Amino acid sequence: MASVDVVHVAWQRSTRCDTSSCVEVARESSGARVRNSTDPAGPVLIFSTEAWRALVEEIHRFR
């Protein structure tokens, strides 16, 4: 697994998140990174722009 620099990334979480147990997302020109807010040094999922768009569209379909 490749190492990812997560220190210099602007992580954001939903305004609906009222606890510290949330998913955080960092949007980039190449796609997005996703991590667990309770484990900032833990694993990071990396999505290409196309994969991120597809994931968000699927989430919206099932809301």
Protein backbone atom coordinates (compact mmCIF):
# COMPACT_ATOMS: atom_id res chain seq x y z
CA MET A 1 0.00 0.00 0.00
CA ALA A 2 1.34 3.42 -0.92
CA SER A 3 2.08 6.03 1.71
CA VAL A 4 -0.18 9.08 1.65
CA ASP A 5 0.70 12.53 2.99
CA VAL A 6 -2.35 13.36 5.13
CA VAL A 7 -0.75 16.19 7.11
CA HIS A 8 -1.07 18.85 4.41
CA VAL A 9 -4.62 17.98 3.39
CA ALA A 10 -7.72 20.10 4.14
CA TRP A 11 -10.07 17.60 5.76
CA GLN A 12 -13.77 18.44 6.07
CA ARG A 13 -16.75 16.75 7.66
CA SER A 14 -20.45 17.23 7.25
CA THR A 15 -22.12 20.03 9.17
CA ARG A 16 -24.61 17.33 10.22
CA CYS A 17 -21.86 15.58 12.18
CA ASP A 18 -22.47 16.40 15.84
CA THR A 19 -19.87 14.01 17.26
CA SER A 20 -16.23 13.30 16.60
CA SER A 21 -17.10 9.93 15.02
CA CYS A 22 -17.53 11.03 11.43
CA VAL A 23 -16.18 10.45 7.98
CA GLU A 24 -13.83 13.20 6.78
CA VAL A 25 -13.28 14.05 3.13
CA ALA A 26 -10.46 15.92 1.44
CA ARG A 27 -11.33 17.02 -2.10
CA GLU A 28 -8.49 17.36 -4.60
CA SER A 29 -8.18 18.02 -8.31
CA SER A 30 -7.41 14.32 -8.81
CA GLY A 31 -10.39 13.09 -6.75
CA ALA A 32 -10.98 12.70 -3.03
CA ARG A 33 -9.56 11.11 0.10
CA VAL A 34 -11.73 9.69 2.88
CA ARG A 35 -10.78 8.82 6.45
CA ASN A 36 -12.31 8.09 9.86
CA SER A 37 -12.20 11.19 12.06
CA THR A 38 -11.54 9.09 15.17
CA ASP A 39 -8.35 7.69 13.60
CA PRO A 40 -6.69 10.52 11.64
CA ALA A 41 -3.42 8.59 11.38
CA GLY A 42 -5.25 5.48 10.16
CA PRO A 43 -6.05 4.23 6.68
CA VAL A 44 -7.14 6.64 3.95
CA LEU A 45 -9.31 5.67 0.99
CA ILE A 46 -8.28 7.40 -2.24
CA PHE A 47 -10.84 7.89 -5.02
CA SER A 48 -10.23 9.12 -8.55
CA THR A 49 -12.50 11.94 -9.72
CA GLU A 50 -14.64 9.45 -11.66
CA ALA A 51 -14.91 6.99 -8.76
CA TRP A 52 -15.75 9.77 -6.29
CA ARG A 53 -18.46 11.14 -8.59
CA ALA A 54 -19.96 7.66 -9.00
CA LEU A 55 -19.95 7.06 -5.22
CA VAL A 56 -21.65 10.39 -4.48
CA GLU A 57 -24.27 9.76 -7.19
CA GLU A 58 -25.06 6.33 -5.70
CA ILE A 59 -25.36 7.79 -2.21
CA HIS A 60 -27.79 10.43 -3.47
CA ARG A 61 -29.83 7.79 -5.29
CA PHE A 62 -30.52 5.93 -2.04
CA ARG A 63 -31.23 8.93 0.22
